[in-house]
N, C-alpha and C. Protein backbone atom coordinates (compact mmCIF):
# COMPACT_ATOMS: atom_id res chain seq x y z
N MET A 1 114.42 73.56 91.82
CA MET A 1 115.86 73.50 91.68
C MET A 1 116.29 74.00 90.31
N LEU A 2 115.55 73.57 89.29
CA LEU A 2 115.88 73.99 87.93
C LEU A 2 115.69 75.49 87.77
N ARG A 3 114.70 76.04 88.47
CA ARG A 3 114.46 77.47 88.40
C ARG A 3 115.62 78.26 89.00
N ARG A 4 116.18 77.76 90.08
CA ARG A 4 117.33 78.43 90.71
C ARG A 4 118.55 78.37 89.80
N ILE A 5 118.76 77.24 89.18
CA ILE A 5 119.90 77.10 88.27
C ILE A 5 119.73 78.04 87.08
N ALA A 6 118.52 78.09 86.53
CA ALA A 6 118.27 78.99 85.40
C ALA A 6 118.47 80.45 85.82
N GLY A 7 118.08 80.78 87.05
CA GLY A 7 118.31 82.14 87.55
C GLY A 7 119.78 82.48 87.61
N TRP A 8 120.58 81.55 88.11
CA TRP A 8 122.01 81.78 88.18
C TRP A 8 122.62 81.88 86.78
N VAL A 9 122.17 81.03 85.87
CA VAL A 9 122.71 81.04 84.51
C VAL A 9 122.41 82.36 83.81
N VAL A 10 121.28 82.97 84.14
CA VAL A 10 120.92 84.23 83.51
C VAL A 10 121.50 85.42 84.27
N LEU A 11 121.38 85.43 85.59
CA LEU A 11 121.75 86.61 86.37
C LEU A 11 123.25 86.85 86.49
N VAL A 12 124.03 85.81 86.60
CA VAL A 12 125.47 86.00 86.75
C VAL A 12 126.08 86.61 85.48
N PRO A 13 125.82 86.07 84.28
CA PRO A 13 126.37 86.72 83.09
C PRO A 13 125.81 88.13 82.87
N LEU A 14 124.53 88.32 83.20
CA LEU A 14 123.95 89.65 83.04
C LEU A 14 124.60 90.64 83.99
N SER A 15 124.88 90.24 85.20
CA SER A 15 125.57 91.11 86.16
C SER A 15 126.98 91.45 85.69
N ILE A 16 127.67 90.47 85.17
CA ILE A 16 129.03 90.72 84.66
C ILE A 16 128.99 91.69 83.49
N ILE A 17 128.03 91.50 82.60
CA ILE A 17 127.90 92.40 81.45
C ILE A 17 127.60 93.82 81.92
N LEU A 18 126.72 93.99 82.90
CA LEU A 18 126.40 95.33 83.40
C LEU A 18 127.60 95.98 84.09
N ILE A 19 128.37 95.22 84.81
CA ILE A 19 129.57 95.78 85.46
C ILE A 19 130.59 96.22 84.41
N VAL A 20 130.81 95.40 83.40
CA VAL A 20 131.74 95.76 82.33
C VAL A 20 131.23 96.99 81.59
N PHE A 21 129.93 97.06 81.34
CA PHE A 21 129.34 98.22 80.67
C PHE A 21 129.54 99.48 81.50
N ALA A 22 129.35 99.38 82.81
CA ALA A 22 129.53 100.55 83.67
C ALA A 22 130.98 101.02 83.68
N LEU A 23 131.90 100.08 83.69
CA LEU A 23 133.31 100.47 83.68
C LEU A 23 133.73 101.07 82.35
N ALA A 24 133.11 100.64 81.26
CA ALA A 24 133.48 101.14 79.94
C ALA A 24 132.85 102.51 79.65
N ASN A 25 131.79 102.89 80.37
CA ASN A 25 131.08 104.14 80.10
C ASN A 25 131.12 105.06 81.31
N ARG A 26 132.32 105.40 81.74
CA ARG A 26 132.47 106.29 82.89
C ARG A 26 132.53 107.75 82.51
N GLN A 27 132.58 108.06 81.21
CA GLN A 27 132.70 109.46 80.81
C GLN A 27 131.45 110.23 81.23
N LEU A 28 131.66 111.53 81.47
CA LEU A 28 130.56 112.37 81.92
C LEU A 28 129.74 112.85 80.74
N THR A 29 128.47 112.95 80.95
CA THR A 29 127.56 113.46 79.94
C THR A 29 126.61 114.45 80.60
N VAL A 30 126.14 115.42 79.82
CA VAL A 30 125.23 116.43 80.35
C VAL A 30 123.80 115.96 80.08
N VAL A 31 122.99 115.96 81.12
CA VAL A 31 121.59 115.56 81.00
C VAL A 31 120.75 116.83 80.88
N ASN A 32 120.00 116.92 79.80
CA ASN A 32 119.15 118.08 79.55
C ASN A 32 117.71 117.59 79.42
N PHE A 33 116.82 118.11 80.27
CA PHE A 33 115.43 117.68 80.25
C PHE A 33 114.55 118.58 79.38
N ASN A 34 115.12 119.60 78.77
CA ASN A 34 114.36 120.49 77.91
C ASN A 34 114.67 120.14 76.46
N PRO A 35 113.76 119.49 75.75
CA PRO A 35 114.06 119.07 74.38
C PRO A 35 114.05 120.22 73.37
N LEU A 36 113.56 121.39 73.76
CA LEU A 36 113.47 122.51 72.83
C LEU A 36 114.75 123.33 72.76
N VAL A 37 115.64 123.17 73.69
CA VAL A 37 116.88 123.93 73.71
C VAL A 37 118.04 123.01 73.34
N ALA A 38 118.81 123.44 72.38
CA ALA A 38 119.98 122.65 71.97
C ALA A 38 121.02 122.69 73.08
N PRO A 39 121.80 121.63 73.23
CA PRO A 39 122.82 121.61 74.28
C PRO A 39 123.86 122.72 74.13
N GLU A 40 124.11 123.14 72.91
CA GLU A 40 125.10 124.20 72.70
C GLU A 40 124.56 125.55 73.15
N ALA A 41 123.24 125.73 73.20
CA ALA A 41 122.63 127.01 73.55
C ALA A 41 122.41 127.17 75.06
N LEU A 42 122.76 126.19 75.82
CA LEU A 42 122.57 126.29 77.26
C LEU A 42 123.53 127.32 77.84
N THR A 43 123.01 128.16 78.75
CA THR A 43 123.87 129.17 79.38
C THR A 43 124.81 128.53 80.40
N SER A 44 124.32 127.57 81.12
CA SER A 44 125.19 126.85 82.05
C SER A 44 125.21 125.38 81.61
N PRO A 45 126.36 124.81 81.49
CA PRO A 45 126.44 123.45 80.96
C PRO A 45 125.83 122.40 81.86
N GLY A 46 125.58 122.71 83.10
CA GLY A 46 125.00 121.72 84.00
C GLY A 46 126.05 120.85 84.63
N VAL A 47 125.60 119.84 85.29
CA VAL A 47 126.49 118.94 86.00
C VAL A 47 126.67 117.69 85.16
N GLY A 48 127.90 117.28 85.02
CA GLY A 48 128.16 116.04 84.28
C GLY A 48 127.80 114.83 85.10
N VAL A 49 127.16 113.89 84.46
CA VAL A 49 126.74 112.65 85.12
C VAL A 49 127.33 111.50 84.33
N PRO A 50 127.87 110.49 84.99
CA PRO A 50 128.38 109.35 84.23
C PRO A 50 127.28 108.71 83.38
N LEU A 51 127.65 108.32 82.17
CA LEU A 51 126.69 107.78 81.22
C LEU A 51 126.03 106.51 81.74
N PHE A 52 126.79 105.64 82.41
CA PHE A 52 126.20 104.40 82.91
C PHE A 52 125.14 104.69 83.97
N LEU A 53 125.33 105.76 84.74
CA LEU A 53 124.35 106.11 85.76
C LEU A 53 123.03 106.55 85.12
N VAL A 54 123.12 107.31 84.04
CA VAL A 54 121.92 107.73 83.31
C VAL A 54 121.20 106.50 82.77
N LEU A 55 121.94 105.59 82.16
CA LEU A 55 121.31 104.40 81.58
C LEU A 55 120.71 103.48 82.64
N PHE A 56 121.40 103.33 83.76
CA PHE A 56 120.86 102.49 84.84
C PHE A 56 119.59 103.11 85.42
N CYS A 57 119.55 104.43 85.55
CA CYS A 57 118.34 105.10 86.05
C CYS A 57 117.17 104.91 85.09
N VAL A 58 117.44 105.02 83.80
CA VAL A 58 116.38 104.80 82.80
C VAL A 58 115.93 103.34 82.85
N LEU A 59 116.84 102.41 83.00
CA LEU A 59 116.50 100.99 83.12
C LEU A 59 115.66 100.73 84.37
N LEU A 60 116.04 101.32 85.49
CA LEU A 60 115.29 101.16 86.72
C LEU A 60 113.89 101.76 86.59
N LEU A 61 113.79 102.91 85.96
CA LEU A 61 112.49 103.53 85.74
C LEU A 61 111.60 102.64 84.87
N GLY A 62 112.18 102.01 83.84
CA GLY A 62 111.42 101.10 82.99
C GLY A 62 110.93 99.88 83.75
N VAL A 63 111.75 99.35 84.63
CA VAL A 63 111.35 98.19 85.43
C VAL A 63 110.21 98.56 86.38
N VAL A 64 110.32 99.72 87.03
CA VAL A 64 109.28 100.16 87.95
C VAL A 64 107.98 100.42 87.20
N LEU A 65 108.04 101.12 86.08
CA LEU A 65 106.83 101.38 85.30
C LEU A 65 106.21 100.10 84.76
N GLY A 66 107.04 99.15 84.34
CA GLY A 66 106.53 97.86 83.89
C GLY A 66 105.84 97.10 85.01
N GLY A 67 106.41 97.15 86.21
CA GLY A 67 105.79 96.50 87.36
C GLY A 67 104.45 97.12 87.72
N VAL A 68 104.40 98.45 87.68
CA VAL A 68 103.13 99.13 87.97
C VAL A 68 102.09 98.79 86.91
N ALA A 69 102.49 98.78 85.64
CA ALA A 69 101.56 98.45 84.57
C ALA A 69 101.04 97.02 84.71
N THR A 70 101.90 96.10 85.07
CA THR A 70 101.49 94.70 85.27
C THR A 70 100.54 94.59 86.46
N TRP A 71 100.86 95.30 87.54
CA TRP A 71 100.00 95.26 88.72
C TRP A 71 98.62 95.80 88.39
N LEU A 72 98.56 96.91 87.64
CA LEU A 72 97.27 97.48 87.27
C LEU A 72 96.50 96.55 86.32
N ALA A 73 97.21 95.88 85.41
CA ALA A 73 96.56 94.99 84.47
C ALA A 73 95.97 93.77 85.17
N GLN A 74 96.54 93.37 86.29
CA GLN A 74 96.06 92.19 87.01
C GLN A 74 95.01 92.51 88.06
N SER A 75 94.56 93.75 88.12
CA SER A 75 93.60 94.13 89.16
C SER A 75 92.29 93.37 89.02
N GLU A 76 91.84 93.11 87.79
CA GLU A 76 90.60 92.37 87.60
C GLU A 76 90.72 90.94 88.12
N VAL A 77 91.86 90.32 87.88
CA VAL A 77 92.09 88.95 88.36
C VAL A 77 92.09 88.92 89.89
N ARG A 78 92.75 89.91 90.51
CA ARG A 78 92.77 89.96 91.97
C ARG A 78 91.38 90.20 92.53
N ARG A 79 90.61 91.07 91.88
CA ARG A 79 89.24 91.34 92.33
C ARG A 79 88.38 90.09 92.24
N GLU A 80 88.50 89.36 91.13
CA GLU A 80 87.73 88.14 90.96
C GLU A 80 88.13 87.09 91.99
N ARG A 81 89.40 86.99 92.25
CA ARG A 81 89.86 86.01 93.24
C ARG A 81 89.34 86.35 94.64
N ARG A 82 89.35 87.65 94.99
CA ARG A 82 88.78 88.05 96.28
C ARG A 82 87.29 87.70 96.36
N HIS A 83 86.59 87.93 95.26
CA HIS A 83 85.16 87.62 95.22
C HIS A 83 84.92 86.14 95.48
N TRP A 84 85.63 85.26 94.79
CA TRP A 84 85.41 83.82 94.94
C TRP A 84 85.89 83.33 96.30
N ARG A 85 86.91 83.95 96.85
CA ARG A 85 87.36 83.56 98.19
C ARG A 85 86.28 83.91 99.22
N ARG A 86 85.71 85.10 99.10
CA ARG A 86 84.62 85.48 100.01
C ARG A 86 83.42 84.57 99.83
N GLU A 87 83.11 84.22 98.59
CA GLU A 87 81.98 83.33 98.31
C GLU A 87 82.22 81.96 98.95
N ALA A 88 83.44 81.44 98.84
CA ALA A 88 83.75 80.14 99.44
C ALA A 88 83.66 80.21 100.96
N GLU A 89 84.13 81.31 101.55
CA GLU A 89 84.04 81.46 103.00
C GLU A 89 82.58 81.56 103.44
N ARG A 90 81.77 82.30 102.69
CA ARG A 90 80.35 82.43 103.02
C ARG A 90 79.65 81.08 102.94
N LEU A 91 79.93 80.33 101.87
CA LEU A 91 79.32 79.01 101.73
C LEU A 91 79.77 78.06 102.83
N GLY A 92 81.02 78.18 103.25
CA GLY A 92 81.51 77.36 104.35
C GLY A 92 80.79 77.68 105.65
N ARG A 93 80.56 78.99 105.90
CA ARG A 93 79.81 79.38 107.11
C ARG A 93 78.37 78.89 107.02
N ASP A 94 77.76 79.00 105.85
CA ASP A 94 76.38 78.52 105.68
C ASP A 94 76.30 77.01 105.92
N LEU A 95 77.28 76.27 105.42
CA LEU A 95 77.29 74.82 105.62
C LEU A 95 77.45 74.48 107.09
N ASP A 96 78.34 75.19 107.78
CA ASP A 96 78.52 74.95 109.22
C ASP A 96 77.24 75.26 109.98
N ALA A 97 76.56 76.34 109.59
CA ALA A 97 75.31 76.70 110.27
C ALA A 97 74.24 75.65 110.03
N SER A 98 74.14 75.14 108.81
CA SER A 98 73.13 74.12 108.53
C SER A 98 73.46 72.81 109.22
N ARG A 99 74.72 72.51 109.42
CA ARG A 99 75.10 71.30 110.15
C ARG A 99 74.72 71.42 111.62
N LYS A 100 74.88 72.63 112.16
CA LYS A 100 74.51 72.83 113.57
C LYS A 100 73.01 72.69 113.76
N VAL A 101 72.25 73.19 112.79
CA VAL A 101 70.79 73.12 112.90
C VAL A 101 70.31 71.68 112.81
N THR A 102 70.85 70.91 111.88
CA THR A 102 70.40 69.53 111.71
C THR A 102 71.02 68.60 112.74
N GLY A 103 72.10 69.00 113.35
CA GLY A 103 72.74 68.17 114.35
C GLY A 103 73.59 67.06 113.77
N ARG A 104 73.79 67.05 112.48
CA ARG A 104 74.60 66.01 111.87
C ARG A 104 76.08 66.32 112.06
N ARG A 105 76.79 65.30 112.36
CA ARG A 105 78.24 65.43 112.46
C ARG A 105 78.84 64.90 111.18
N MET A 106 79.61 65.75 110.52
CA MET A 106 80.28 65.35 109.28
C MET A 106 81.78 65.35 109.57
N PRO A 107 82.49 64.47 108.90
CA PRO A 107 83.95 64.52 109.07
C PRO A 107 84.48 65.85 108.54
N PRO A 108 85.54 66.35 109.13
CA PRO A 108 86.06 67.64 108.66
C PRO A 108 86.50 67.54 107.21
N ALA A 109 86.31 68.63 106.51
CA ALA A 109 86.67 68.66 105.09
C ALA A 109 88.18 68.59 104.95
N THR A 110 88.60 67.85 103.96
CA THR A 110 90.04 67.74 103.71
C THR A 110 90.53 68.85 102.80
N LEU A 111 89.61 69.60 102.20
CA LEU A 111 90.00 70.68 101.32
C LEU A 111 90.08 71.99 102.07
N ASP A 112 91.02 72.81 101.69
CA ASP A 112 91.14 74.14 102.23
C ASP A 112 90.46 75.10 101.28
N ILE A 113 90.18 76.29 101.71
CA ILE A 113 89.55 77.28 100.83
C ILE A 113 90.43 77.57 99.63
N ASP A 114 91.75 77.56 99.83
CA ASP A 114 92.67 77.81 98.71
C ASP A 114 92.56 76.73 97.64
N ASP A 115 92.16 75.51 98.02
CA ASP A 115 91.98 74.46 97.05
C ASP A 115 90.75 74.68 96.19
N LEU A 116 89.79 75.42 96.71
CA LEU A 116 88.56 75.68 95.97
C LEU A 116 88.69 76.84 95.00
N VAL A 117 89.66 77.71 95.22
CA VAL A 117 89.86 78.89 94.38
C VAL A 117 90.95 78.57 93.37
N ASP A 118 90.66 78.78 92.11
CA ASP A 118 91.66 78.56 91.07
C ASP A 118 92.76 79.60 91.19
N THR A 119 93.98 79.14 91.14
CA THR A 119 95.11 80.07 91.16
C THR A 119 95.73 80.08 89.78
N PRO A 120 96.07 81.28 89.31
CA PRO A 120 96.65 81.36 87.96
C PRO A 120 98.04 80.82 87.90
């Protein structure tokens, strides 16, 4: 519940600020992807794009690249978790097989495999 309230406290003012920023920066700007040519030397001025649109695209690109970087950085943790999950499943199958061989009836385990694997 506290997490939802904190989300609202952060997201609502941030959304209002972004809307006000977009309304204040509606002027057109020329986007040039060639850093070696000065804007004055361009033969065709290009298409004007609203400044807020350029900034929002750069912000979105940063969020996507940050997400990809985080996902790649966590690959070792995911690999280790898969390894231990498989190990727990293998040990569970081995235990079931040994119970069948000995004929002993054990009460069902109260733990799930997810309880055996540490979650970050």
